[in-house]
Amino acid sequence: MAKPDNRSDNVDKLQRSIQNTIENFREGQDYLSEHADEISVKEKKQVQEKNEKRLHAIEGFREEVKDEAAHQRKS
């Protein structure tokens, strides 16, 4: 038998994911600014692409938080 859907801590988990992703984004930005003269164009592009994905992930997490909050209000 499947476990019942326990969504009680989803918002907390999503918030942690948002914070971790923001931290990784900032670390990427810091890396780019601190090592701008030392890294290759390819490496710079890779970090920039990762950070773009992180921004999209943050947006997605925030939408999920809204959905979870709405679900919890209904319950």
C-alpha atoms as a PDB file:
ATOM      1  CA  MET A   1       0.000   0.000   0.000  1.00  0.00           C
ATOM      2  CA  ALA A   2       1.282   3.483  -0.864  1.00  0.00           C
ATOM      3  CA  LYS A   3       2.158   5.908   1.887  1.00  0.00           C
ATOM      4  CA  PRO A   4      -0.284   8.786   2.354  1.00  0.00           C
ATOM      5  CA  ASP A   5       0.774  12.098   0.842  1.00  0.00           C
ATOM      6  CA  ASN A   6       2.406  14.105   3.659  1.00  0.00           C
ATOM      7  CA  ARG A   7       2.916  17.635   2.413  1.00  0.00           C
ATOM      8  CA  SER A   8       3.262  19.271   5.827  1.00  0.00           C
ATOM      9  CA  ASP A   9       6.956  20.087   5.459  1.00  0.00           C
ATOM     10  CA  ASN A  10       7.096  20.751   1.705  1.00  0.00           C
ATOM     11  CA  VAL A  11       7.253  24.533   2.108  1.00  0.00           C
ATOM     12  CA  ASP A  12      10.206  24.227   4.504  1.00  0.00           C
ATOM     13  CA  LYS A  13      12.011  21.904   2.106  1.00  0.00           C
ATOM     14  CA  LEU A  14      11.348  24.239  -0.799  1.00  0.00           C
ATOM     15  CA  GLN A  15      12.570  27.236   1.195  1.00  0.00           C
ATOM     16  CA  ARG A  16      15.814  25.384   1.972  1.00  0.00           C
ATOM     17  CA  SER A  17      16.188  24.547  -1.706  1.00  0.00           C
ATOM     18  CA  ILE A  18      15.687  28.199  -2.610  1.00  0.00           C
ATOM     19  CA  GLN A  19      18.301  29.310  -0.073  1.00  0.00           C
ATOM     20  CA  ASN A  20      20.810  26.697  -1.245  1.00  0.00           C
ATOM     21  CA  THR A  21      20.293  27.630  -4.884  1.00  0.00           C
ATOM     22  CA  ILE A  22      20.675  31.342  -4.121  1.00  0.00           C
ATOM     23  CA  GLU A  23      23.896  30.579  -2.247  1.00  0.00           C
ATOM     24  CA  ASN A  24      25.225  28.566  -5.183  1.00  0.00           C
ATOM     25  CA  PHE A  25      24.260  31.375  -7.561  1.00  0.00           C
ATOM     26  CA  ARG A  26      26.152  33.914  -5.460  1.00  0.00           C
ATOM     27  CA  GLU A  27      29.173  31.639  -5.242  1.00  0.00           C
ATOM     28  CA  GLY A  28      29.144  31.366  -9.039  1.00  0.00           C
ATOM     29  CA  GLN A  29      28.950  35.141  -9.383  1.00  0.00           C
ATOM     30  CA  ASP A  30      31.754  35.613  -6.861  1.00  0.00           C
ATOM     31  CA  TYR A  31      33.882  33.057  -8.682  1.00  0.00           C
ATOM     32  CA  LEU A  32      33.387  34.886 -11.964  1.00  0.00           C
ATOM     33  CA  SER A  33      34.291  38.260 -10.504  1.00  0.00           C
ATOM     34  CA  GLU A  34      37.279  36.990  -8.492  1.00  0.00           C
ATOM     35  CA  HIS A  35      38.778  34.922 -11.302  1.00  0.00           C
ATOM     36  CA  ALA A  36      37.708  36.870 -14.374  1.00  0.00           C
ATOM     37  CA  ASP A  37      41.269  37.216 -15.657  1.00  0.00           C
ATOM     38  CA  GLU A  38      42.238  33.625 -14.886  1.00  0.00           C
ATOM     39  CA  ILE A  39      39.449  31.496 -16.369  1.00  0.00           C
ATOM     40  CA  SER A  40      38.840  30.512 -19.957  1.00  0.00           C
ATOM     41  CA  VAL A  41      35.942  31.790 -22.004  1.00  0.00           C
ATOM     42  CA  LYS A  42      34.538  28.248 -21.974  1.00  0.00           C
ATOM     43  CA  GLU A  43      34.628  28.039 -18.175  1.00  0.00           C
ATOM     44  CA  LYS A  44      33.083  31.490 -17.844  1.00  0.00           C
ATOM     45  CA  LYS A  45      30.266  30.463 -20.185  1.00  0.00           C
ATOM     46  CA  GLN A  46      29.675  27.250 -18.197  1.00  0.00           C
ATOM     47  CA  VAL A  47      29.355  29.145 -14.905  1.00  0.00           C
ATOM     48  CA  GLN A  48      27.038  31.693 -16.512  1.00  0.00           C
ATOM     49  CA  GLU A  49      24.851  28.914 -17.940  1.00  0.00           C
ATOM     50  CA  LYS A  50      24.670  27.184 -14.550  1.00  0.00           C
ATOM     51  CA  ASN A  51      23.635  30.447 -12.953  1.00  0.00           C
ATOM     52  CA  GLU A  52      20.909  30.938 -15.566  1.00  0.00           C
ATOM     53  CA  LYS A  53      19.572  27.487 -14.709  1.00  0.00           C
ATOM     54  CA  ARG A  54      19.738  28.365 -11.025  1.00  0.00           C
ATOM     55  CA  LEU A  55      17.642  31.504 -11.594  1.00  0.00           C
ATOM     56  CA  HIS A  56      15.017  29.445 -13.419  1.00  0.00           C
ATOM     57  CA  ALA A  57      15.074  26.854 -10.640  1.00  0.00           C
ATOM     58  CA  ILE A  58      14.521  29.559  -8.028  1.00  0.00           C
ATOM     59  CA  GLU A  59      11.497  30.817  -9.961  1.00  0.00           C
ATOM     60  CA  GLY A  60      10.135  27.271 -10.113  1.00  0.00           C
ATOM     61  CA  PHE A  61      10.686  26.714  -6.396  1.00  0.00           C
ATOM     62  CA  ARG A  62       8.861  29.952  -5.597  1.00  0.00           C
ATOM     63  CA  GLU A  63       5.898  28.868  -7.719  1.00  0.00           C
ATOM     64  CA  GLU A  64       5.845  25.549  -5.859  1.00  0.00           C
ATOM     65  CA  VAL A  65       5.864  27.404  -2.522  1.00  0.00           C
ATOM     66  CA  LYS A  66       2.811  29.377  -3.661  1.00  0.00           C
ATOM     67  CA  ASP A  67       1.071  26.161  -4.712  1.00  0.00           C
ATOM     68  CA  GLU A  68       1.875  24.471  -1.400  1.00  0.00           C
ATOM     69  CA  ALA A  69       0.717  27.484   0.601  1.00  0.00           C
ATOM     70  CA  ALA A  70      -2.561  27.489  -1.321  1.00  0.00           C
ATOM     71  CA  HIS A  71      -2.968  23.752  -0.709  1.00  0.00           C
ATOM     72  CA  GLN A  72      -2.350  24.171   3.015  1.00  0.00           C
ATOM     73  CA  ARG A  73      -4.925  26.969   3.247  1.00  0.00           C
ATOM     74  CA  LYS A  74      -7.513  24.655   1.672  1.00  0.00           C
ATOM     75  CA  SER A  75      -6.768  21.839   4.114  1.00  0.00           C
END
